[in-house]
Each structure stands twice: as C-alpha cells, then as structure tokens.
Protein backbone atom coordinates (compact mmCIF):
# COMPACT_ATOMS: atom_id res chain seq x y z
CA MET A 1 3.86 -32.29 13.83
CA LYS A 2 5.08 -30.49 16.95
CA ASN A 3 3.15 -28.00 19.08
CA THR A 4 0.23 -27.78 16.66
CA ILE A 5 -3.50 -27.52 17.33
CA VAL A 6 -5.66 -28.84 14.52
CA TYR A 7 -9.33 -27.89 14.96
CA LEU A 8 -11.65 -30.03 12.81
CA ILE A 9 -14.98 -28.24 12.39
CA GLY A 10 -17.92 -29.72 10.53
CA HIS A 11 -21.54 -30.74 10.72
CA TYR A 12 -22.67 -34.07 12.19
CA GLY A 13 -21.47 -37.08 10.23
CA VAL A 14 -18.81 -35.33 8.17
CA GLY A 15 -16.05 -37.58 9.54
CA LYS A 16 -14.39 -35.38 12.16
CA LEU A 17 -13.60 -38.15 14.64
CA THR A 18 -12.47 -40.66 12.01
CA ILE A 19 -10.12 -38.11 10.44
CA ALA A 20 -8.91 -36.97 13.88
CA ARG A 21 -8.03 -40.54 14.81
CA ALA A 22 -6.09 -40.94 11.55
CA ILE A 23 -4.14 -37.73 12.22
CA CYS A 24 -3.33 -38.88 15.75
CA ALA A 25 -2.21 -42.31 14.57
CA ALA A 26 0.13 -40.74 12.01
CA THR A 27 1.58 -38.02 14.25
CA GLU A 28 1.16 -38.99 17.91
CA ALA A 29 -1.03 -35.90 18.36
CA ARG A 30 -3.49 -36.11 21.24
CA LEU A 31 -7.23 -36.23 20.56
CA PHE A 32 -9.79 -34.02 22.27
CA ASP A 33 -13.01 -35.06 20.53
CA ASN A 34 -15.98 -32.87 21.46
CA HIS A 35 -17.80 -35.97 22.72
CA LEU A 36 -15.07 -36.61 25.26
CA ALA A 37 -16.50 -33.60 27.13
CA ASN A 38 -20.11 -33.97 25.97
CA ASN A 39 -20.49 -37.60 26.99
CA VAL A 40 -19.65 -36.96 30.63
CA ILE A 41 -23.02 -35.20 30.79
CA PHE A 42 -24.79 -37.03 27.93
CA SER A 43 -24.27 -40.40 29.63
CA LEU A 44 -25.84 -39.12 32.85
CA ILE A 45 -28.95 -37.71 31.17
CA ARG A 46 -29.14 -40.65 28.75
CA ALA A 47 -28.91 -38.59 25.60
CA ASP A 48 -29.98 -40.78 22.70
CA GLY A 49 -28.91 -38.67 19.70
CA LYS A 50 -32.53 -37.94 18.75
CA THR A 51 -34.33 -36.41 21.75
CA PRO A 52 -33.73 -32.68 22.32
CA LEU A 53 -31.29 -32.00 25.13
CA PRO A 54 -32.47 -30.39 28.38
CA GLU A 55 -31.81 -26.73 29.15
CA GLY A 56 -28.43 -26.11 30.78
CA VAL A 57 -26.57 -29.04 29.23
CA TRP A 58 -24.08 -26.89 27.33
CA ASP A 59 -23.26 -24.76 30.39
CA ARG A 60 -22.19 -27.89 32.25
CA ILE A 61 -20.24 -29.24 29.29
CA GLU A 62 -18.44 -25.90 28.98
CA VAL A 63 -16.97 -26.39 32.48
CA ILE A 64 -15.49 -29.73 31.39
CA ARG A 65 -14.21 -28.30 28.11
CA GLU A 66 -12.56 -25.38 29.92
CA GLN A 67 -10.70 -27.72 32.27
CA ALA A 68 -9.43 -29.73 29.29
CA LEU A 69 -8.17 -26.60 27.54
CA LEU A 70 -6.47 -25.40 30.73
CA SER A 71 -4.78 -28.79 31.00
CA MET A 72 -3.53 -28.45 27.44
CA GLU A 73 -2.13 -25.01 28.31
CA GLU A 74 -0.70 -25.68 31.74
CA LEU A 75 0.04 -29.40 32.06
CA ALA A 76 0.76 -30.86 28.61
CA PRO A 77 4.32 -30.88 27.27
CA ALA A 78 5.25 -27.82 25.21
CA ASP A 79 5.85 -29.84 22.05
CA ALA A 80 2.57 -31.80 22.25
CA SER A 81 0.12 -31.49 19.38
CA PHE A 82 -3.64 -31.79 19.64
CA VAL A 83 -6.55 -32.53 17.33
CA LEU A 84 -9.91 -31.12 18.42
CA THR A 85 -13.30 -31.77 16.84
CA ASN A 86 -16.54 -29.80 16.95
CA CYS A 87 -19.64 -28.71 15.10
CA LEU A 88 -19.56 -24.92 15.38
CA LEU A 89 -22.29 -22.80 13.81
CA ASP A 90 -21.93 -19.25 12.57
CA ASN A 91 -25.18 -18.02 14.12
CA ASP A 92 -24.37 -19.30 17.63
CA PRO A 93 -22.45 -16.87 19.88
CA GLY A 94 -21.52 -19.80 22.15
CA ASP A 95 -19.88 -21.56 19.21
CA TRP A 96 -17.89 -18.43 18.38
CA ALA A 97 -16.80 -18.28 22.04
CA ALA A 98 -15.72 -21.95 21.88
CA TYR A 99 -13.68 -21.27 18.73
CA ASP A 100 -12.09 -18.17 20.26
CA ARG A 101 -11.21 -20.14 23.40
CA VAL A 102 -9.37 -22.79 21.36
CA LEU A 103 -7.62 -20.03 19.40
CA GLU A 104 -6.58 -18.51 22.73
CA THR A 105 -5.26 -21.90 23.89
CA ALA A 106 -3.09 -22.04 20.76
CA ARG A 107 -1.85 -18.51 21.41
CA ARG A 108 -1.01 -19.27 25.05
CA ARG A 109 0.86 -22.43 24.02
CA ASP A 110 2.54 -20.60 21.11
CA SER A 111 1.15 -23.41 18.93
CA THR A 112 0.57 -23.48 15.20
CA PHE A 113 -3.22 -23.20 14.89
CA VAL A 114 -4.87 -25.01 11.97
CA PRO A 115 -8.65 -24.63 11.63
CA VAL A 116 -10.05 -27.18 9.16
CA LEU A 117 -13.60 -26.85 7.83
CA LEU A 118 -14.99 -30.20 6.70
CA ALA A 119 -17.96 -30.58 4.37
CA ALA A 120 -19.72 -33.48 2.64
CA SER A 121 -22.72 -34.07 0.41
CA ASP A 122 -26.16 -34.65 1.91
CA ALA A 123 -26.00 -38.27 0.75
CA ALA A 124 -22.66 -38.84 2.48
CA HIS A 125 -23.97 -37.27 5.70
CA ALA A 126 -27.12 -39.39 5.61
CA ALA A 127 -25.17 -42.61 5.04
CA ARG A 128 -22.91 -41.89 8.01
CA MET A 129 -25.61 -40.82 10.49
CA ALA A 130 -27.04 -44.32 11.06
CA SER A 131 -23.73 -45.89 12.04
CA PRO A 132 -23.92 -48.01 15.22
CA ASP A 133 -20.71 -46.31 16.39
CA ARG A 134 -22.51 -42.94 16.41
CA ALA A 135 -25.27 -44.27 18.65
CA GLU A 136 -22.75 -45.97 20.92
CA ARG A 137 -20.82 -42.70 21.31
CA LEU A 138 -24.06 -40.78 22.12
CA LYS A 139 -23.83 -38.78 18.88
CA MET A 140 -26.72 -37.45 16.85
CA THR A 141 -28.25 -40.22 14.74
CA ASP A 142 -31.29 -38.43 13.33
CA ALA A 143 -30.32 -38.00 9.67
CA ILE A 144 -33.36 -35.86 8.83
CA GLY A 145 -32.83 -33.57 11.82
CA ALA A 146 -29.12 -33.29 11.00
CA GLU A 147 -29.91 -32.38 7.38
CA ARG A 148 -32.35 -29.69 8.52
CA LYS A 149 -29.72 -28.28 10.86
CA ARG A 150 -27.05 -28.30 8.11
CA HIS A 151 -29.29 -26.44 5.69
CA ALA A 152 -30.46 -23.91 8.28
CA ASN A 153 -27.11 -23.26 9.97
CA ALA A 154 -23.84 -22.50 8.26
CA LEU A 155 -20.57 -23.49 9.86
CA LEU A 156 -18.45 -20.77 11.41
CA ARG A 157 -17.24 -18.36 8.78
CA ILE A 158 -13.65 -18.38 9.96
CA ASP A 159 -11.22 -15.89 8.51
CA HIS A 160 -7.88 -17.33 9.56
CA PRO A 161 -4.74 -17.49 7.39
CA ASN A 162 -4.13 -21.16 8.30
CA ARG A 163 -7.65 -22.32 7.39
CA LEU A 164 -8.04 -25.42 5.26
CA ASP A 165 -11.32 -26.54 3.64
CA LEU A 166 -11.87 -30.19 2.73
CA ASP A 167 -14.83 -32.02 1.19
CA THR A 168 -14.98 -35.53 2.66
CA THR A 169 -17.74 -36.84 0.38
CA THR A 170 -15.37 -39.20 -1.46
CA LEU A 171 -12.11 -38.41 0.35
CA PRO A 172 -10.93 -41.38 2.44
CA PRO A 173 -10.14 -40.43 6.06
CA SER A 174 -6.48 -41.44 5.68
CA GLU A 175 -6.14 -39.11 2.67
CA ALA A 176 -7.87 -36.26 4.52
CA ALA A 177 -5.49 -36.81 7.43
CA ARG A 178 -2.49 -36.74 5.10
CA LEU A 179 -3.63 -33.46 3.51
CA ILE A 180 -4.19 -31.87 6.92
CA ILE A 181 -0.83 -33.03 8.27
CA GLU A 182 0.99 -31.73 5.18
CA HIS A 183 -0.82 -28.39 5.48
CA ALA A 184 0.07 -28.12 9.20
CA GLU A 185 3.70 -29.00 8.59
CA ARG A 186 3.98 -26.34 5.86
CA LEU A 187 2.71 -23.77 8.37
CA ALA A 188 5.03 -24.79 11.21
C-alpha cells in the first residue's frame, strides 16, 4: 500500500484499533488512532470511560487532530500510507466535519481514500467493552451506555465509491486487515 488513507469508522468496541494495528503491521502504514489525540486531553482530566466528559473537551481535541492532519499533509513522505480510526455518528455535524477533514487530507496528498465502516453484533460489542486494554487506553468501558449509543446513533452514512463495509462479529482482525488491504490495493 502506497499513499493510501484507510479510515476505519465504527462504534465503540468494534475492533478499530486492533484491525488498524494489523493493517500497519502488514503494510508499514502509519497509525493515527483517535485516542492518540483524545488521550492528550483525557489523561489530564482523568477520563475513566464511564463518566460524561466536560464541556469543551472536543474543541481542544480538535486542535490536536488538526495538527496531526497537517503533519500528514505537509511533513510526511508522499508515499506514506495512514490508517485512522474513529467513531463518527451521522447525526453529529462535528463528526461530519471530522470525516470531511480527513477526506480533504487525502485530496491534498493525492492519496487513495478508503473509508471502512465496521459493525459487530451487540454481543460482540459487549464482550469487547470490558477489556482491561480499553480502560488502560482511556476508552469507553460502559457496555450498557455504548449499546444505548449504538442503537440511538447510526454511523455516518457515507456515500463514497471506495467504501467498504465489514462485520467484525466473527471476523478475526488479521482477516479483516487482509480484506481491507486487498480492497485498497485494488483501488490504487
């Protein structure tokens, strides 16, 4: 994979980071997990994955995210590939803006853009939410709250010709990564 931006989008606990790591290991792509930006702020306010976040958190995180995207555009080698992760909801204008900003980064880099929507069953989500790794990475760990959010908020309804949809309920991360890489390479 050369000069490709893979954007993994899915609800909490769908396996975005695990799949992203597998893609990076197989391709030497660079990872920009949403928590890389989030945790700069989350660690300072002691976010615990259960307590509601204070007002203004996302505005501050957006500054960090913007600097990362500018670095991808202006500083990273032209042939570098990236895997980004995020939970983006259709009813949130800020999430649409975040998606559009990544799409713009791909355009400015003249990169192949591959949005991937990940889904999983409620049982798979619930089983993954309690993982100690999630708590350690300051991710949401409230399985009931996450289920409520999933049922009340659809993921971005992206209409992009390179879109790929995957259900990770029983799909091993290495297999999901392989399918995504093959899809991206067909598009390149």
